[in-house]
Amino acid sequence: MKYKTLIILALALMAFSGNGWTAMSDDDAEATIRLMGKAEAELPDAVTKEITLPQHLLDANKEDQNTAVENSAKGLKSANENRDKKHGNDASEPAQEARERGQEMSDKAKENRENQGRSKDRPDPPGRPDNPGQP
């Protein structure tokens, strides 16, 4: 009996809440996308208009741009020097030797696998031993 009452009450609440959702009009919502009108569609400038900065702002920034380029060049040079100090020739030689040893081991393992699969390189199996007779 309790379940029937609960289901009927839930259905009634859902029916009344539906009116609240449908009562909201489109005028209240904020439009984030709109279709272009015919005049806008015919004029390509409406879509492809270039935006440029005023010339006085571009001239003022040339000095700043040159300074930024110089600073970035100095920073790149400094980073390369630090990398060379940290990972110089002393550190790369053992790594290169380890790579070479690893390559040699890999080649040997590959050769072993190939040799193991060749049937003509295998020795002939031993024959049956002679019967020594009764003990």
Protein backbone atom coordinates (compact mmCIF):
# COMPACT_ATOMS: atom_id res chain seq x y z
CA MET A 1 0.00 0.00 0.00
CA LYS A 2 2.85 2.38 0.79
CA TYR A 3 4.46 1.72 -2.60
CA LYS A 4 1.30 2.63 -4.50
CA THR A 5 1.00 5.92 -2.62
CA LEU A 6 4.64 6.72 -3.21
CA ILE A 7 4.40 6.03 -6.95
CA ILE A 8 1.23 8.10 -7.34
CA LEU A 9 2.80 10.99 -5.42
CA ALA A 10 5.98 10.84 -7.56
CA LEU A 11 3.92 10.89 -10.78
CA ALA A 12 1.91 13.87 -9.57
CA LEU A 13 5.06 15.80 -8.65
CA MET A 14 6.60 15.05 -12.04
CA ALA A 15 3.46 16.27 -13.80
CA PHE A 16 3.48 19.58 -11.92
CA SER A 17 7.22 20.12 -12.32
CA GLY A 18 6.95 19.74 -16.09
CA ASN A 19 4.98 22.96 -16.26
CA GLY A 20 7.85 24.84 -14.62
CA TRP A 21 10.30 23.74 -17.27
CA THR A 22 8.03 24.50 -20.19
CA ALA A 23 7.04 27.89 -18.79
CA MET A 24 10.54 29.27 -19.40
CA SER A 25 10.42 31.33 -22.57
CA ASP A 26 13.17 31.76 -25.12
CA ASP A 27 13.24 35.50 -24.44
CA ASP A 28 14.77 34.90 -21.03
CA ALA A 29 17.70 32.92 -22.43
CA GLU A 30 20.85 34.67 -23.57
CA ALA A 31 21.78 33.98 -27.18
CA THR A 32 25.36 32.84 -27.58
CA ILE A 33 25.14 31.89 -31.26
CA ARG A 34 23.20 33.66 -33.96
CA LEU A 35 22.77 33.13 -37.66
CA MET A 36 24.26 35.67 -40.04
CA GLY A 37 21.84 37.84 -41.85
CA LYS A 38 21.74 38.11 -45.63
CA ALA A 39 23.67 41.38 -45.63
CA GLU A 40 26.42 39.88 -43.48
CA ALA A 41 26.60 36.73 -45.61
CA GLU A 42 27.01 38.73 -48.80
CA LEU A 43 29.81 40.88 -47.39
CA PRO A 44 32.93 38.78 -46.77
CA ASP A 45 34.39 41.54 -44.58
CA ALA A 46 31.90 40.61 -41.90
CA VAL A 47 33.68 37.31 -41.46
CA THR A 48 37.22 37.91 -42.67
CA LYS A 49 37.92 41.39 -41.37
CA GLU A 50 41.52 41.87 -40.29
CA ILE A 51 42.20 43.53 -37.00
CA THR A 52 45.42 45.53 -36.83
CA LEU A 53 47.04 47.45 -34.04
CA PRO A 54 47.50 51.19 -34.39
CA GLN A 55 50.88 52.21 -35.85
CA HIS A 56 51.99 54.11 -32.74
CA LEU A 57 51.65 50.92 -30.69
CA LEU A 58 53.62 48.91 -33.24
CA ASP A 59 56.48 51.45 -33.29
CA ALA A 60 56.69 51.55 -29.49
CA ASN A 61 56.95 47.78 -29.31
CA LYS A 62 59.86 47.42 -31.77
CA GLU A 63 62.41 48.23 -29.09
CA ASP A 64 60.74 45.81 -26.71
CA GLN A 65 60.68 43.15 -29.43
CA ASN A 66 64.39 43.62 -30.16
CA THR A 67 65.18 43.37 -26.46
CA ALA A 68 63.06 40.22 -26.17
CA VAL A 69 64.85 38.63 -29.13
CA GLU A 70 68.25 39.42 -27.60
CA ASN A 71 67.18 38.05 -24.21
CA SER A 72 65.85 34.86 -25.76
CA ALA A 73 69.12 34.36 -27.66
CA LYS A 74 71.08 34.80 -24.43
CA GLY A 75 68.78 32.38 -22.63
CA LEU A 76 69.13 29.76 -25.35
CA LYS A 77 72.91 30.09 -25.29
CA SER A 78 72.96 29.78 -21.50
CA ALA A 79 70.69 26.73 -21.58
CA ASN A 80 72.88 25.02 -24.18
CA GLU A 81 76.02 25.73 -22.14
CA ASN A 82 74.41 24.35 -18.97
CA ARG A 83 73.24 21.23 -20.81
CA ASP A 84 76.75 20.68 -22.17
CA LYS A 85 78.22 21.06 -18.69
CA LYS A 86 75.71 18.68 -17.16
CA HIS A 87 75.71 16.13 -19.98
CA GLY A 88 79.12 16.75 -21.45
CA ASN A 89 81.38 14.29 -23.21
CA ASP A 90 82.29 12.56 -19.95
CA ALA A 91 78.69 11.56 -19.31
CA SER A 92 77.88 10.57 -22.89
CA GLU A 93 80.84 8.18 -23.34
CA PRO A 94 79.63 5.59 -20.80
CA ALA A 95 76.15 5.86 -22.24
CA GLN A 96 77.48 5.25 -25.75
CA GLU A 97 79.50 2.25 -24.53
CA ALA A 98 76.42 0.85 -22.80
CA ARG A 99 74.42 1.24 -26.02
CA GLU A 100 77.13 -0.58 -27.98
CA ARG A 101 77.23 -3.44 -25.43
CA GLY A 102 73.46 -3.68 -25.56
CA GLN A 103 73.52 -3.81 -29.36
CA GLU A 104 76.20 -6.55 -29.28
CA MET A 105 74.13 -8.59 -26.82
CA SER A 106 71.06 -8.15 -28.98
CA ASP A 107 72.94 -9.29 -32.08
CA LYS A 108 74.30 -12.36 -30.26
CA ALA A 109 70.84 -13.29 -29.01
CA LYS A 110 69.41 -12.91 -32.50
CA GLU A 111 72.17 -15.09 -33.94
CA ASN A 112 71.56 -17.73 -31.27
CA ARG A 113 67.85 -17.81 -32.09
CA GLU A 114 68.61 -18.18 -35.79
CA ASN A 115 71.15 -20.93 -35.20
CA GLN A 116 68.82 -22.80 -32.92
CA GLY A 117 66.19 -22.96 -35.62
CA ARG A 118 68.43 -24.44 -38.35
CA SER A 119 67.95 -28.19 -38.70
CA LYS A 120 71.04 -28.89 -40.83
CA ASP A 121 73.38 -27.49 -38.17
CA ARG A 122 72.06 -29.85 -35.53
CA PRO A 123 73.95 -33.06 -34.79
CA ASP A 124 72.42 -36.38 -35.72
CA PRO A 125 70.60 -38.05 -32.87
CA PRO A 126 72.40 -41.09 -31.47
CA GLY A 127 71.28 -44.49 -32.67
CA ARG A 128 69.99 -47.33 -30.54
CA PRO A 129 72.67 -48.87 -28.40
CA ASP A 130 73.78 -52.43 -29.10
CA ASN A 131 72.19 -55.03 -26.92
CA PRO A 132 74.93 -56.16 -24.50
CA GLY A 133 73.18 -59.41 -23.85
CA GLN A 134 71.78 -60.90 -20.73
CA PRO A 135 73.40 -60.08 -17.40
